[in-house]
């Protein structure tokens, strides 16, 4: 039975997929997306170029200190805000993906009438396939779980860390999103929620589907998160 997106207005958590409907097709301009999440080493180069600010360093949190340790160079950068993620992508010549672009990367070119629950297909995720469900309990080097791969060879869309996307979270956005290049909700609304996509090392498989839409309150995003990173996209010529 299809979920009712109206229920999301009262409580975004009332149904795990009430904000994923109605299913519809949109057209996107050509874009390229990074194969993996931005790493500590990549982000550190932006800091060294004085174009990015340092991630947060909460006292007593080991993962916050790893940014400065070379053995964690290939781990996804975390403890950054969306503003910091946007600054990095701009420095790297790109931007954050829209929700639609992220989902296109995860779903591939499968038509709407073809089921694709996870980036790799419909096979159930497990600890050998993706870094989810506290199987490891912390981020791992990008690409280490090579079973977490989309049809377009994009890695870690289902797990490792959640990912920032652009726009604001609106549970009813799919009802009114434009057919061409939907940018995401342009206003924060009363809830002031920022959208995130993909699962993380700490979440179950229900958060790892290609259609799952997550959200985090703006206040929490400013405080930064240990399981939230990002990847960038670039717009390409053509459609």
C-alpha atoms as a PDB file:
ATOM      1  CA  UNK A   1       0.000   0.000   0.000  1.00  0.00           C
ATOM      2  CA  UNK A   2       1.354   3.394  -0.979  1.00  0.00           C
ATOM      3  CA  UNK A   3       2.277   5.735   1.840  1.00  0.00           C
ATOM      4  CA  UNK A   4       0.485   9.057   2.191  1.00  0.00           C
ATOM      5  CA  UNK A   5       2.901  12.002   1.981  1.00  0.00           C
ATOM      6  CA  UNK A   6       0.380  14.209   3.810  1.00  0.00           C
ATOM      7  CA  UNK A   7       1.185  12.252   6.971  1.00  0.00           C
ATOM      8  CA  UNK A   8       4.739  13.554   6.779  1.00  0.00           C
ATOM      9  CA  UNK A   9       3.562  17.080   7.499  1.00  0.00           C
ATOM     10  CA  UNK A  10       2.447  16.063  10.967  1.00  0.00           C
ATOM     11  CA  UNK A  11       5.360  13.744  11.676  1.00  0.00           C
ATOM     12  CA  UNK A  12       8.193  13.061   9.190  1.00  0.00           C
ATOM     13  CA  UNK A  13       8.832   9.747  10.978  1.00  0.00           C
ATOM     14  CA  UNK A  14       5.243   8.467  10.807  1.00  0.00           C
ATOM     15  CA  UNK A  15       6.066   6.154   7.907  1.00  0.00           C
ATOM     16  CA  UNK A  16       9.488   5.149   6.704  1.00  0.00           C
ATOM     17  CA  UNK A  17       8.674   5.979   3.079  1.00  0.00           C
ATOM     18  CA  UNK A  18       5.857   8.510   3.204  1.00  0.00           C
ATOM     19  CA  UNK A  19       8.120  11.148   1.653  1.00  0.00           C
ATOM     20  CA  UNK A  20       9.227   8.904  -1.236  1.00  0.00           C
ATOM     21  CA  UNK A  21       5.971   9.158  -3.176  1.00  0.00           C
ATOM     22  CA  UNK A  22       4.589   9.787  -5.717  1.00  0.00           C
ATOM     23  CA  UNK A  23       7.091   7.970  -7.872  1.00  0.00           C
ATOM     24  CA  UNK A  24       7.660   9.956 -11.040  1.00  0.00           C
ATOM     25  CA  UNK A  25      10.165  10.429 -13.811  1.00  0.00           C
ATOM     26  CA  UNK A  26      12.255  13.586 -14.211  1.00  0.00           C
ATOM     27  CA  UNK A  27      14.911  14.610 -16.700  1.00  0.00           C
ATOM     28  CA  UNK A  28      18.379  15.663 -15.618  1.00  0.00           C
ATOM     29  CA  UNK A  29      21.106  17.539 -17.410  1.00  0.00           C
ATOM     30  CA  UNK A  30      24.292  15.561 -17.895  1.00  0.00           C
ATOM     31  CA  UNK A  31      26.457  15.408 -14.793  1.00  0.00           C
ATOM     32  CA  UNK A  32      29.338  13.440 -13.352  1.00  0.00           C
ATOM     33  CA  UNK A  33      29.541  12.319  -9.733  1.00  0.00           C
ATOM     34  CA  UNK A  34      32.549  11.311  -7.677  1.00  0.00           C
ATOM     35  CA  UNK A  35      33.077   7.574  -7.432  1.00  0.00           C
ATOM     36  CA  UNK A  36      33.528   7.740  -3.669  1.00  0.00           C
ATOM     37  CA  UNK A  37      32.916  10.079  -0.762  1.00  0.00           C
ATOM     38  CA  UNK A  38      35.360  12.942  -0.259  1.00  0.00           C
ATOM     39  CA  UNK A  39      38.247  11.704   1.874  1.00  0.00           C
ATOM     40  CA  UNK A  40      40.231  13.254   4.682  1.00  0.00           C
ATOM     41  CA  UNK A  41      43.222  13.657   2.365  1.00  0.00           C
ATOM     42  CA  UNK A  42      41.173  15.430  -0.301  1.00  0.00           C
ATOM     43  CA  UNK A  43      39.554  17.772   2.185  1.00  0.00           C
ATOM     44  CA  UNK A  44      42.884  18.484   3.867  1.00  0.00           C
ATOM     45  CA  UNK A  45      44.273  19.797   0.579  1.00  0.00           C
ATOM     46  CA  UNK A  46      41.423  22.306   0.501  1.00  0.00           C
ATOM     47  CA  UNK A  47      42.255  23.351   4.056  1.00  0.00           C
ATOM     48  CA  UNK A  48      45.909  23.767   3.086  1.00  0.00           C
ATOM     49  CA  UNK A  49      44.813  25.942   0.165  1.00  0.00           C
ATOM     50  CA  UNK A  50      42.940  28.100   2.701  1.00  0.00           C
ATOM     51  CA  UNK A  51      39.643  27.517   0.920  1.00  0.00           C
ATOM     52  CA  UNK A  52      38.134  25.183   3.531  1.00  0.00           C
ATOM     53  CA  UNK A  53      37.882  25.347   7.308  1.00  0.00           C
ATOM     54  CA  UNK A  54      38.819  22.488   9.601  1.00  0.00           C
ATOM     55  CA  UNK A  55      36.281  19.843  10.630  1.00  0.00           C
ATOM     56  CA  UNK A  56      34.938  20.067  14.153  1.00  0.00           C
ATOM     57  CA  UNK A  57      37.035  18.460  16.910  1.00  0.00           C
ATOM     58  CA  UNK A  58      34.714  17.478  19.780  1.00  0.00           C
ATOM     59  CA  UNK A  59      36.703  16.612  22.878  1.00  0.00           C
ATOM     60  CA  UNK A  60      37.155  12.915  23.522  1.00  0.00           C
ATOM     61  CA  UNK A  61      35.896  11.784  20.091  1.00  0.00           C
ATOM     62  CA  UNK A  62      38.477   9.607  18.361  1.00  0.00           C
ATOM     63  CA  UNK A  63      36.958   9.944  14.893  1.00  0.00           C
ATOM     64  CA  UNK A  64      37.317  13.728  15.066  1.00  0.00           C
ATOM     65  CA  UNK A  65      41.084  13.403  15.544  1.00  0.00           C
ATOM     66  CA  UNK A  66      41.550  11.002  12.640  1.00  0.00           C
ATOM     67  CA  UNK A  67      41.389  13.836  10.125  1.00  0.00           C
ATOM     68  CA  UNK A  68      44.942  14.761  11.113  1.00  0.00           C
ATOM     69  CA  UNK A  69      46.386  11.224  11.059  1.00  0.00           C
ATOM     70  CA  UNK A  70      47.872   9.989   7.733  1.00  0.00           C
ATOM     71  CA  UNK A  71      46.694   6.405   8.252  1.00  0.00           C
ATOM     72  CA  UNK A  72      43.128   7.687   7.908  1.00  0.00           C
ATOM     73  CA  UNK A  73      43.726   9.622   4.676  1.00  0.00           C
ATOM     74  CA  UNK A  74      41.359   7.355   2.700  1.00  0.00           C
ATOM     75  CA  UNK A  75      38.512   7.550   5.196  1.00  0.00           C
ATOM     76  CA  UNK A  76      35.534   9.804   4.375  1.00  0.00           C
ATOM     77  CA  UNK A  77      35.799  13.246   5.917  1.00  0.00           C
ATOM     78  CA  UNK A  78      33.169  13.717   8.641  1.00  0.00           C
ATOM     79  CA  UNK A  79      32.440  16.308  11.331  1.00  0.00           C
ATOM     80  CA  UNK A  80      31.852  18.917   8.620  1.00  0.00           C
ATOM     81  CA  UNK A  81      28.797  21.091   8.037  1.00  0.00           C
ATOM     82  CA  UNK A  82      26.961  21.411   4.760  1.00  0.00           C
ATOM     83  CA  UNK A  83      28.448  24.890   4.326  1.00  0.00           C
ATOM     84  CA  UNK A  84      31.901  23.338   4.575  1.00  0.00           C
ATOM     85  CA  UNK A  85      30.925  20.626   2.099  1.00  0.00           C
ATOM     86  CA  UNK A  86      29.694  23.257  -0.344  1.00  0.00           C
ATOM     87  CA  UNK A  87      32.932  25.205   0.033  1.00  0.00           C
ATOM     88  CA  UNK A  88      34.990  22.113  -0.740  1.00  0.00           C
ATOM     89  CA  UNK A  89      32.947  21.220  -3.813  1.00  0.00           C
ATOM     90  CA  UNK A  90      33.244  24.788  -5.127  1.00  0.00           C
ATOM     91  CA  UNK A  91      37.018  24.665  -4.615  1.00  0.00           C
ATOM     92  CA  UNK A  92      37.140  21.332  -6.460  1.00  0.00           C
ATOM     93  CA  UNK A  93      35.156  22.769  -9.373  1.00  0.00           C
ATOM     94  CA  UNK A  94      31.812  21.224  -8.545  1.00  0.00           C
ATOM     95  CA  UNK A  95      28.852  21.347  -6.192  1.00  0.00           C
ATOM     96  CA  UNK A  96      26.765  19.103  -3.994  1.00  0.00           C
ATOM     97  CA  UNK A  97      24.369  16.836  -5.903  1.00  0.00           C
ATOM     98  CA  UNK A  98      20.654  17.420  -5.862  1.00  0.00           C
ATOM     99  CA  UNK A  99      18.480  14.669  -4.416  1.00  0.00           C
ATOM    100  CA  UNK A 100      17.487  13.700  -7.952  1.00  0.00           C
ATOM    101  CA  UNK A 101      21.098  13.462  -9.113  1.00  0.00           C
ATOM    102  CA  UNK A 102      22.065  11.394  -6.094  1.00  0.00           C
ATOM    103  CA  UNK A 103      19.173   9.004  -6.694  1.00  0.00           C
ATOM    104  CA  UNK A 104      20.015   8.741 -10.392  1.00  0.00           C
ATOM    105  CA  UNK A 105      23.569   7.766  -9.449  1.00  0.00           C
ATOM    106  CA  UNK A 106      22.261   5.157  -7.009  1.00  0.00           C
ATOM    107  CA  UNK A 107      19.468   3.774  -9.182  1.00  0.00           C
ATOM    108  CA  UNK A 108      21.281   3.854 -12.500  1.00  0.00           C
ATOM    109  CA  UNK A 109      19.260   3.891 -15.700  1.00  0.00           C
ATOM    110  CA  UNK A 110      16.734   1.271 -14.606  1.00  0.00           C
ATOM    111  CA  UNK A 111      13.205   2.306 -15.697  1.00  0.00           C
ATOM    112  CA  UNK A 112      10.596   2.986 -13.030  1.00  0.00           C
ATOM    113  CA  UNK A 113       8.831  -0.328 -13.604  1.00  0.00           C
ATOM    114  CA  UNK A 114      12.038  -2.252 -12.860  1.00  0.00           C
ATOM    115  CA  UNK A 115      12.727  -2.832  -9.180  1.00  0.00           C
ATOM    116  CA  UNK A 116      16.061  -1.661  -7.827  1.00  0.00           C
ATOM    117  CA  UNK A 117      15.908  -1.508  -4.058  1.00  0.00           C
ATOM    118  CA  UNK A 118      19.602  -0.938  -3.427  1.00  0.00           C
ATOM    119  CA  UNK A 119      22.335   0.530  -5.633  1.00  0.00           C
ATOM    120  CA  UNK A 120      23.499  -2.982  -6.634  1.00  0.00           C
ATOM    121  CA  UNK A 121      19.983  -4.405  -7.154  1.00  0.00           C
ATOM    122  CA  UNK A 122      17.561  -6.272  -4.912  1.00  0.00           C
ATOM    123  CA  UNK A 123      19.901  -8.629  -3.055  1.00  0.00           C
ATOM    124  CA  UNK A 124      19.761  -8.074   0.689  1.00  0.00           C
ATOM    125  CA  UNK A 125      22.674  -6.097   2.106  1.00  0.00           C
ATOM    126  CA  UNK A 126      24.893  -7.694   4.668  1.00  0.00           C
ATOM    127  CA  UNK A 127      28.118  -7.078   6.519  1.00  0.00           C
ATOM    128  CA  UNK A 128      30.141  -8.456   3.610  1.00  0.00           C
ATOM    129  CA  UNK A 129      28.522  -6.103   1.089  1.00  0.00           C
ATOM    130  CA  UNK A 130      28.187  -2.692   2.748  1.00  0.00           C
ATOM    131  CA  UNK A 131      29.340  -0.845   5.848  1.00  0.00           C
ATOM    132  CA  UNK A 132      25.947  -0.603   7.553  1.00  0.00           C
ATOM    133  CA  UNK A 133      24.058  -1.789  10.625  1.00  0.00           C
ATOM    134  CA  UNK A 134      27.014  -1.383  13.015  1.00  0.00           C
ATOM    135  CA  UNK A 135      28.717  -4.398  11.464  1.00  0.00           C
ATOM    136  CA  UNK A 136      32.006  -2.524  11.913  1.00  0.00           C
ATOM    137  CA  UNK A 137      30.721   0.374  13.988  1.00  0.00           C
ATOM    138  CA  UNK A 138      32.702   3.182  12.370  1.00  0.00           C
ATOM    139  CA  UNK A 139      33.609   4.584   8.941  1.00  0.00           C
ATOM    140  CA  UNK A 140      35.992   2.590   6.781  1.00  0.00           C
ATOM    141  CA  UNK A 141      38.258   3.591   3.868  1.00  0.00           C
ATOM    142  CA  UNK A 142      36.221   4.595   0.833  1.00  0.00           C
ATOM    143  CA  UNK A 143      35.614   1.727  -1.567  1.00  0.00           C
ATOM    144  CA  UNK A 144      36.626  -0.971   0.904  1.00  0.00           C
ATOM    145  CA  UNK A 145      33.183  -2.595   0.617  1.00  0.00           C
ATOM    146  CA  UNK A 146      33.259  -3.203  -3.122  1.00  0.00           C
ATOM    147  CA  UNK A 147      29.865  -4.915  -3.026  1.00  0.00           C
ATOM    148  CA  UNK A 148      28.308  -1.525  -2.271  1.00  0.00           C
ATOM    149  CA  UNK A 149      28.465  -0.411  -5.887  1.00  0.00           C
ATOM    150  CA  UNK A 150      25.884   0.946  -8.303  1.00  0.00           C
ATOM    151  CA  UNK A 151      25.336  -0.031 -11.917  1.00  0.00           C
ATOM    152  CA  UNK A 152      27.479   2.985 -12.811  1.00  0.00           C
ATOM    153  CA  UNK A 153      30.340   1.796 -10.562  1.00  0.00           C
ATOM    154  CA  UNK A 154      29.691   4.439  -7.878  1.00  0.00           C
ATOM    155  CA  UNK A 155      30.783   3.215  -4.445  1.00  0.00           C
ATOM    156  CA  UNK A 156      29.448   3.509  -0.894  1.00  0.00           C
ATOM    157  CA  UNK A 157      26.035   4.950  -1.743  1.00  0.00           C
ATOM    158  CA  UNK A 158      24.303   2.510   0.607  1.00  0.00           C
ATOM    159  CA  UNK A 159      26.660   2.714   3.551  1.00  0.00           C
ATOM    160  CA  UNK A 160      29.796   4.057   5.215  1.00  0.00           C
ATOM    161  CA  UNK A 161      28.457   7.577   5.917  1.00  0.00           C
ATOM    162  CA  UNK A 162      25.305   9.516   5.090  1.00  0.00           C
ATOM    163  CA  UNK A 163      25.787  12.183   2.431  1.00  0.00           C
ATOM    164  CA  UNK A 164      24.800  15.817   2.140  1.00  0.00           C
ATOM    165  CA  UNK A 165      22.789  16.901  -0.883  1.00  0.00           C
ATOM    166  CA  UNK A 166      21.642  20.367  -1.902  1.00  0.00           C
ATOM    167  CA  UNK A 167      18.287  22.040  -1.251  1.00  0.00           C
ATOM    168  CA  UNK A 168      16.049  21.724   1.793  1.00  0.00           C
ATOM    169  CA  UNK A 169      14.017  18.758   2.968  1.00  0.00           C
ATOM    170  CA  UNK A 170      10.341  18.908   2.060  1.00  0.00           C
ATOM    171  CA  UNK A 171       8.273  15.705   2.511  1.00  0.00           C
ATOM    172  CA  UNK A 172       5.872  16.812  -0.226  1.00  0.00           C
ATOM    173  CA  UNK A 173       8.508  17.970  -2.704  1.00  0.00           C
ATOM    174  CA  UNK A 174       7.943  15.068  -5.100  1.00  0.00           C
ATOM    175  CA  UNK A 175       4.402  16.340  -5.696  1.00  0.00           C
ATOM    176  CA  UNK A 176       5.547  19.677  -7.082  1.00  0.00           C
ATOM    177  CA  UNK A 177       9.112  19.130  -8.241  1.00  0.00           C
ATOM    178  CA  UNK A 178       9.690  20.342 -11.803  1.00  0.00           C
ATOM    179  CA  UNK A 179      10.117  17.787 -14.556  1.00  0.00           C
ATOM    180  CA  UNK A 180      13.527  19.103 -15.591  1.00  0.00           C
ATOM    181  CA  UNK A 181      16.468  19.312 -13.171  1.00  0.00           C
ATOM    182  CA  UNK A 182      14.537  19.498  -9.875  1.00  0.00           C
ATOM    183  CA  UNK A 183      16.813  21.511  -7.552  1.00  0.00           C
ATOM    184  CA  UNK A 184      15.209  20.452  -4.280  1.00  0.00           C
ATOM    185  CA  UNK A 185      13.103  22.626  -2.018  1.00  0.00           C
ATOM    186  CA  UNK A 186      14.395  26.200  -2.089  1.00  0.00           C
ATOM    187  CA  UNK A 187      13.116  27.288   1.331  1.00  0.00           C
ATOM    188  CA  UNK A 188      13.765  25.705   4.742  1.00  0.00           C
ATOM    189  CA  UNK A 189      10.144  25.946   5.890  1.00  0.00           C
ATOM    190  CA  UNK A 190       9.165  25.719   9.525  1.00  0.00           C
ATOM    191  CA  UNK A 191      11.019  22.442  10.106  1.00  0.00           C
ATOM    192  CA  UNK A 192      14.433  23.699   8.886  1.00  0.00           C
ATOM    193  CA  UNK A 193      15.512  20.221   7.842  1.00  0.00           C
ATOM    194  CA  UNK A 194      18.461  19.496   5.574  1.00  0.00           C
ATOM    195  CA  UNK A 195      18.186  16.422   3.318  1.00  0.00           C
ATOM    196  CA  UNK A 196      20.723  13.619   3.442  1.00  0.00           C
ATOM    197  CA  UNK A 197      20.882  10.504   1.316  1.00  0.00           C
ATOM    198  CA  UNK A 198      22.265   7.023   1.743  1.00  0.00           C
ATOM    199  CA  UNK A 199      22.836   4.868   4.785  1.00  0.00           C
ATOM    200  CA  UNK A 200      25.747   4.835   7.196  1.00  0.00           C
ATOM    201  CA  UNK A 201      27.796   2.419   9.252  1.00  0.00           C
ATOM    202  CA  UNK A 202      25.318   2.926  12.114  1.00  0.00           C
ATOM    203  CA  UNK A 203      21.986   2.485  10.290  1.00  0.00           C
ATOM    204  CA  UNK A 204      20.026  -0.558   9.161  1.00  0.00           C
ATOM    205  CA  UNK A 205      19.317  -1.655   5.578  1.00  0.00           C
ATOM    206  CA  UNK A 206      16.057   0.312   5.418  1.00  0.00           C
ATOM    207  CA  UNK A 207      18.197   3.468   5.265  1.00  0.00           C
ATOM    208  CA  UNK A 208      20.276   2.100   2.386  1.00  0.00           C
ATOM    209  CA  UNK A 209      17.650   1.994  -0.351  1.00  0.00           C
ATOM    210  CA  UNK A 210      18.016   4.167  -3.439  1.00  0.00           C
ATOM    211  CA  UNK A 211      14.786   6.007  -2.585  1.00  0.00           C
ATOM    212  CA  UNK A 212      15.309   6.636   1.134  1.00  0.00           C
ATOM    213  CA  UNK A 213      15.172  10.332   2.018  1.00  0.00           C
ATOM    214  CA  UNK A 214      16.800  11.296   5.287  1.00  0.00           C
ATOM    215  CA  UNK A 215      16.799  14.659   7.024  1.00  0.00           C
ATOM    216  CA  UNK A 216      18.691  16.366   9.825  1.00  0.00           C
ATOM    217  CA  UNK A 217      17.716  19.520  11.655  1.00  0.00           C
ATOM    218  CA  UNK A 218      19.778  22.561  10.780  1.00  0.00           C
ATOM    219  CA  UNK A 219      20.922  22.946  14.393  1.00  0.00           C
ATOM    220  CA  UNK A 220      22.329  19.415  14.464  1.00  0.00           C
ATOM    221  CA  UNK A 221      24.069  19.912  11.123  1.00  0.00           C
ATOM    222  CA  UNK A 222      25.823  22.976  12.493  1.00  0.00           C
ATOM    223  CA  UNK A 223      27.077  20.832  15.351  1.00  0.00           C
ATOM    224  CA  UNK A 224      28.426  18.341  12.779  1.00  0.00           C
ATOM    225  CA  UNK A 225      28.005  14.569  12.741  1.00  0.00           C
ATOM    226  CA  UNK A 226      30.372  11.579  12.992  1.00  0.00           C
ATOM    227  CA  UNK A 227      28.490   9.621  10.312  1.00  0.00           C
ATOM    228  CA  UNK A 228      27.810  12.334   7.726  1.00  0.00           C
ATOM    229  CA  UNK A 229      30.026  13.179   4.755  1.00  0.00           C
ATOM    230  CA  UNK A 230      29.540  14.115   1.120  1.00  0.00           C
ATOM    231  CA  UNK A 231      30.610  13.744  -2.484  1.00  0.00           C
ATOM    232  CA  UNK A 232      30.547  16.312  -5.294  1.00  0.00           C
ATOM    233  CA  UNK A 233      29.123  16.471  -8.804  1.00  0.00           C
ATOM    234  CA  UNK A 234      29.972  18.487 -11.891  1.00  0.00           C
ATOM    235  CA  UNK A 235      27.537  19.601 -14.564  1.00  0.00           C
ATOM    236  CA  UNK A 236      28.593  18.454 -18.029  1.00  0.00           C
ATOM    237  CA  UNK A 237      27.675  19.813 -21.439  1.00  0.00           C
ATOM    238  CA  UNK A 238      24.761  18.137 -23.165  1.00  0.00           C
ATOM    239  CA  UNK A 239      21.726  16.333 -21.801  1.00  0.00           C
END
